[in-house]
């Protein structure tokens, strides 16, 4: 049986990205593998372990990556989505508005999106129901 282990995104500024993911989501470096032309940096939440976010830094790259129209988003679950929304606003990360996502009258989820420094979208979801 397959087990999901990580998702990779390419970033321009390693320090800026590490700062964002640490301050926004508490992700810490668990491994860094450097090659002559690039580095792979693996992040996860040290309290839960498991699935990791891999940041790939191609040395010398200065132009932003074209995210195209195929990339969707990463998602994280939080205990209090309202508090996280307020915290990210206070941290200057400019999250988008909170959304109550419904299917008819049934609440599917409560969430908001925030972009990382390279424009990747992260969905922050209230824990519970489907996202327990």
C-alpha atoms as a PDB file:
ATOM      1  CA  UNK A   1       0.000   0.000   0.000  1.00  0.00           C
ATOM      2  CA  UNK A   2       1.331   3.444  -0.904  1.00  0.00           C
ATOM      3  CA  UNK A   3       1.813   6.124   1.744  1.00  0.00           C
ATOM      4  CA  UNK A   4       1.946   9.847   0.916  1.00  0.00           C
ATOM      5  CA  UNK A   5       5.237  11.266   2.228  1.00  0.00           C
ATOM      6  CA  UNK A   6       5.691  14.759   0.783  1.00  0.00           C
ATOM      7  CA  UNK A   7       4.693  17.396  -1.712  1.00  0.00           C
ATOM      8  CA  UNK A   8       7.307  19.559  -3.435  1.00  0.00           C
ATOM      9  CA  UNK A   9       7.218  23.211  -4.433  1.00  0.00           C
ATOM     10  CA  UNK A  10       9.965  25.353  -5.972  1.00  0.00           C
ATOM     11  CA  UNK A  11      10.860  28.550  -4.153  1.00  0.00           C
ATOM     12  CA  UNK A  12      13.097  31.498  -5.031  1.00  0.00           C
ATOM     13  CA  UNK A  13      14.241  32.758  -1.615  1.00  0.00           C
ATOM     14  CA  UNK A  14      14.997  29.993   0.879  1.00  0.00           C
ATOM     15  CA  UNK A  15      15.147  32.233   3.965  1.00  0.00           C
ATOM     16  CA  UNK A  16      11.914  34.038   3.102  1.00  0.00           C
ATOM     17  CA  UNK A  17      10.067  30.755   2.508  1.00  0.00           C
ATOM     18  CA  UNK A  18      11.412  29.137   5.673  1.00  0.00           C
ATOM     19  CA  UNK A  19      10.355  32.180   7.690  1.00  0.00           C
ATOM     20  CA  UNK A  20       6.844  32.102   6.193  1.00  0.00           C
ATOM     21  CA  UNK A  21       6.238  28.387   6.797  1.00  0.00           C
ATOM     22  CA  UNK A  22       7.672  28.591  10.332  1.00  0.00           C
ATOM     23  CA  UNK A  23       5.666  31.661  11.354  1.00  0.00           C
ATOM     24  CA  UNK A  24       2.455  30.777   9.511  1.00  0.00           C
ATOM     25  CA  UNK A  25       2.231  27.029  10.199  1.00  0.00           C
ATOM     26  CA  UNK A  26       4.934  26.049  12.696  1.00  0.00           C
ATOM     27  CA  UNK A  27       6.819  23.949  10.136  1.00  0.00           C
ATOM     28  CA  UNK A  28      10.433  23.184  10.960  1.00  0.00           C
ATOM     29  CA  UNK A  29      13.333  21.846   8.911  1.00  0.00           C
ATOM     30  CA  UNK A  30      13.709  18.089   9.380  1.00  0.00           C
ATOM     31  CA  UNK A  31      16.295  17.598   6.650  1.00  0.00           C
ATOM     32  CA  UNK A  32      18.273  19.617   4.108  1.00  0.00           C
ATOM     33  CA  UNK A  33      20.129  17.982   1.232  1.00  0.00           C
ATOM     34  CA  UNK A  34      22.380  20.251  -0.804  1.00  0.00           C
ATOM     35  CA  UNK A  35      23.589  19.502  -4.321  1.00  0.00           C
ATOM     36  CA  UNK A  36      25.856  21.715  -6.470  1.00  0.00           C
ATOM     37  CA  UNK A  37      22.927  23.344  -8.306  1.00  0.00           C
ATOM     38  CA  UNK A  38      20.000  23.021  -5.887  1.00  0.00           C
ATOM     39  CA  UNK A  39      18.898  22.162  -2.364  1.00  0.00           C
ATOM     40  CA  UNK A  40      15.998  20.098  -1.062  1.00  0.00           C
ATOM     41  CA  UNK A  41      14.601  21.264   2.284  1.00  0.00           C
ATOM     42  CA  UNK A  42      12.082  19.034   4.062  1.00  0.00           C
ATOM     43  CA  UNK A  43       9.661  20.648   6.516  1.00  0.00           C
ATOM     44  CA  UNK A  44       7.052  19.235   8.847  1.00  0.00           C
ATOM     45  CA  UNK A  45       5.229  19.928  12.065  1.00  0.00           C
ATOM     46  CA  UNK A  46       7.422  18.376  14.768  1.00  0.00           C
ATOM     47  CA  UNK A  47       4.393  17.629  16.945  1.00  0.00           C
ATOM     48  CA  UNK A  48       2.699  15.449  14.334  1.00  0.00           C
ATOM     49  CA  UNK A  49       5.522  14.329  12.041  1.00  0.00           C
ATOM     50  CA  UNK A  50       4.459  12.362   9.005  1.00  0.00           C
ATOM     51  CA  UNK A  51       3.724  14.203   5.765  1.00  0.00           C
ATOM     52  CA  UNK A  52       6.369  16.726   4.720  1.00  0.00           C
ATOM     53  CA  UNK A  53       6.593  19.782   2.505  1.00  0.00           C
ATOM     54  CA  UNK A  54       9.701  19.715   0.303  1.00  0.00           C
ATOM     55  CA  UNK A  55      11.046  23.114  -0.758  1.00  0.00           C
ATOM     56  CA  UNK A  56      13.322  22.971  -3.793  1.00  0.00           C
ATOM     57  CA  UNK A  57      15.707  25.902  -4.188  1.00  0.00           C
ATOM     58  CA  UNK A  58      17.464  26.113  -7.552  1.00  0.00           C
ATOM     59  CA  UNK A  59      20.581  28.179  -6.913  1.00  0.00           C
ATOM     60  CA  UNK A  60      20.918  31.284  -9.071  1.00  0.00           C
ATOM     61  CA  UNK A  61      17.219  31.381 -10.009  1.00  0.00           C
ATOM     62  CA  UNK A  62      15.885  34.923  -9.716  1.00  0.00           C
ATOM     63  CA  UNK A  63      12.726  34.842 -11.850  1.00  0.00           C
ATOM     64  CA  UNK A  64       9.480  33.747 -10.163  1.00  0.00           C
ATOM     65  CA  UNK A  65       8.169  30.357 -11.208  1.00  0.00           C
ATOM     66  CA  UNK A  66       5.135  30.224 -13.478  1.00  0.00           C
ATOM     67  CA  UNK A  67       2.577  28.386 -11.352  1.00  0.00           C
ATOM     68  CA  UNK A  68       0.388  27.881 -14.397  1.00  0.00           C
ATOM     69  CA  UNK A  69      -3.202  26.791 -14.165  1.00  0.00           C
ATOM     70  CA  UNK A  70      -2.614  23.248 -12.951  1.00  0.00           C
ATOM     71  CA  UNK A  71      -1.500  23.885  -9.378  1.00  0.00           C
ATOM     72  CA  UNK A  72      -4.316  23.846  -6.824  1.00  0.00           C
ATOM     73  CA  UNK A  73      -3.273  24.267  -3.204  1.00  0.00           C
ATOM     74  CA  UNK A  74      -1.865  22.725  -0.060  1.00  0.00           C
ATOM     75  CA  UNK A  75      -4.210  22.369   2.911  1.00  0.00           C
ATOM     76  CA  UNK A  76      -3.739  22.421   6.680  1.00  0.00           C
ATOM     77  CA  UNK A  77      -6.273  21.814   9.440  1.00  0.00           C
ATOM     78  CA  UNK A  78      -6.414  24.022  12.553  1.00  0.00           C
ATOM     79  CA  UNK A  79      -8.352  23.924  15.833  1.00  0.00           C
ATOM     80  CA  UNK A  80      -9.649  27.501  15.544  1.00  0.00           C
ATOM     81  CA  UNK A  81      -9.824  28.881  12.015  1.00  0.00           C
ATOM     82  CA  UNK A  82     -11.046  32.303  13.211  1.00  0.00           C
ATOM     83  CA  UNK A  83      -8.072  32.692  15.558  1.00  0.00           C
ATOM     84  CA  UNK A  84      -5.632  31.546  12.850  1.00  0.00           C
ATOM     85  CA  UNK A  85      -7.144  34.013  10.387  1.00  0.00           C
ATOM     86  CA  UNK A  86      -6.676  36.861  12.883  1.00  0.00           C
ATOM     87  CA  UNK A  87      -3.131  35.707  13.738  1.00  0.00           C
ATOM     88  CA  UNK A  88      -2.067  35.616  10.074  1.00  0.00           C
ATOM     89  CA  UNK A  89      -3.540  39.086   9.497  1.00  0.00           C
ATOM     90  CA  UNK A  90      -1.565  40.383  12.501  1.00  0.00           C
ATOM     91  CA  UNK A  91       1.590  38.709  11.120  1.00  0.00           C
ATOM     92  CA  UNK A  92       1.133  40.621   7.846  1.00  0.00           C
ATOM     93  CA  UNK A  93       0.420  37.585   5.640  1.00  0.00           C
ATOM     94  CA  UNK A  94      -2.852  38.981   4.161  1.00  0.00           C
ATOM     95  CA  UNK A  95      -5.079  35.899   4.228  1.00  0.00           C
ATOM     96  CA  UNK A  96      -8.222  36.025   2.114  1.00  0.00           C
ATOM     97  CA  UNK A  97     -11.686  36.139   3.681  1.00  0.00           C
ATOM     98  CA  UNK A  98     -13.149  33.304   5.740  1.00  0.00           C
ATOM     99  CA  UNK A  99     -15.605  31.134   3.808  1.00  0.00           C
ATOM    100  CA  UNK A 100     -18.429  28.889   5.002  1.00  0.00           C
ATOM    101  CA  UNK A 101     -18.471  26.293   2.230  1.00  0.00           C
ATOM    102  CA  UNK A 102     -21.878  24.639   1.965  1.00  0.00           C
ATOM    103  CA  UNK A 103     -23.584  21.980  -0.085  1.00  0.00           C
ATOM    104  CA  UNK A 104     -27.152  23.217   0.079  1.00  0.00           C
ATOM    105  CA  UNK A 105     -27.739  23.841   3.777  1.00  0.00           C
ATOM    106  CA  UNK A 106     -25.005  21.440   4.922  1.00  0.00           C
ATOM    107  CA  UNK A 107     -21.682  22.965   5.999  1.00  0.00           C
ATOM    108  CA  UNK A 108     -18.858  21.127   4.249  1.00  0.00           C
ATOM    109  CA  UNK A 109     -16.062  23.210   5.734  1.00  0.00           C
ATOM    110  CA  UNK A 110     -14.997  26.617   7.027  1.00  0.00           C
ATOM    111  CA  UNK A 111     -11.735  27.888   5.583  1.00  0.00           C
ATOM    112  CA  UNK A 112      -9.604  30.658   4.128  1.00  0.00           C
ATOM    113  CA  UNK A 113      -6.639  30.810   1.770  1.00  0.00           C
ATOM    114  CA  UNK A 114      -3.279  32.499   2.236  1.00  0.00           C
ATOM    115  CA  UNK A 115      -0.449  32.733  -0.320  1.00  0.00           C
ATOM    116  CA  UNK A 116       3.166  31.923   0.485  1.00  0.00           C
ATOM    117  CA  UNK A 117       5.967  34.257  -0.728  1.00  0.00           C
ATOM    118  CA  UNK A 118       6.085  32.497  -4.117  1.00  0.00           C
ATOM    119  CA  UNK A 119       2.325  32.646  -4.678  1.00  0.00           C
ATOM    120  CA  UNK A 120       1.452  29.071  -3.718  1.00  0.00           C
ATOM    121  CA  UNK A 121      -1.991  28.933  -2.130  1.00  0.00           C
ATOM    122  CA  UNK A 122      -2.530  27.277   1.253  1.00  0.00           C
ATOM    123  CA  UNK A 123      -6.035  26.443   2.440  1.00  0.00           C
ATOM    124  CA  UNK A 124      -6.485  26.726   6.211  1.00  0.00           C
ATOM    125  CA  UNK A 125      -9.476  24.601   7.288  1.00  0.00           C
ATOM    126  CA  UNK A 126     -11.382  24.385  10.558  1.00  0.00           C
ATOM    127  CA  UNK A 127     -10.856  20.927  12.053  1.00  0.00           C
ATOM    128  CA  UNK A 128     -13.939  18.738  12.191  1.00  0.00           C
ATOM    129  CA  UNK A 129     -16.225  16.631  10.040  1.00  0.00           C
ATOM    130  CA  UNK A 130     -14.468  15.611   6.827  1.00  0.00           C
ATOM    131  CA  UNK A 131     -11.355  17.406   8.053  1.00  0.00           C
ATOM    132  CA  UNK A 132     -11.120  15.781  11.487  1.00  0.00           C
END
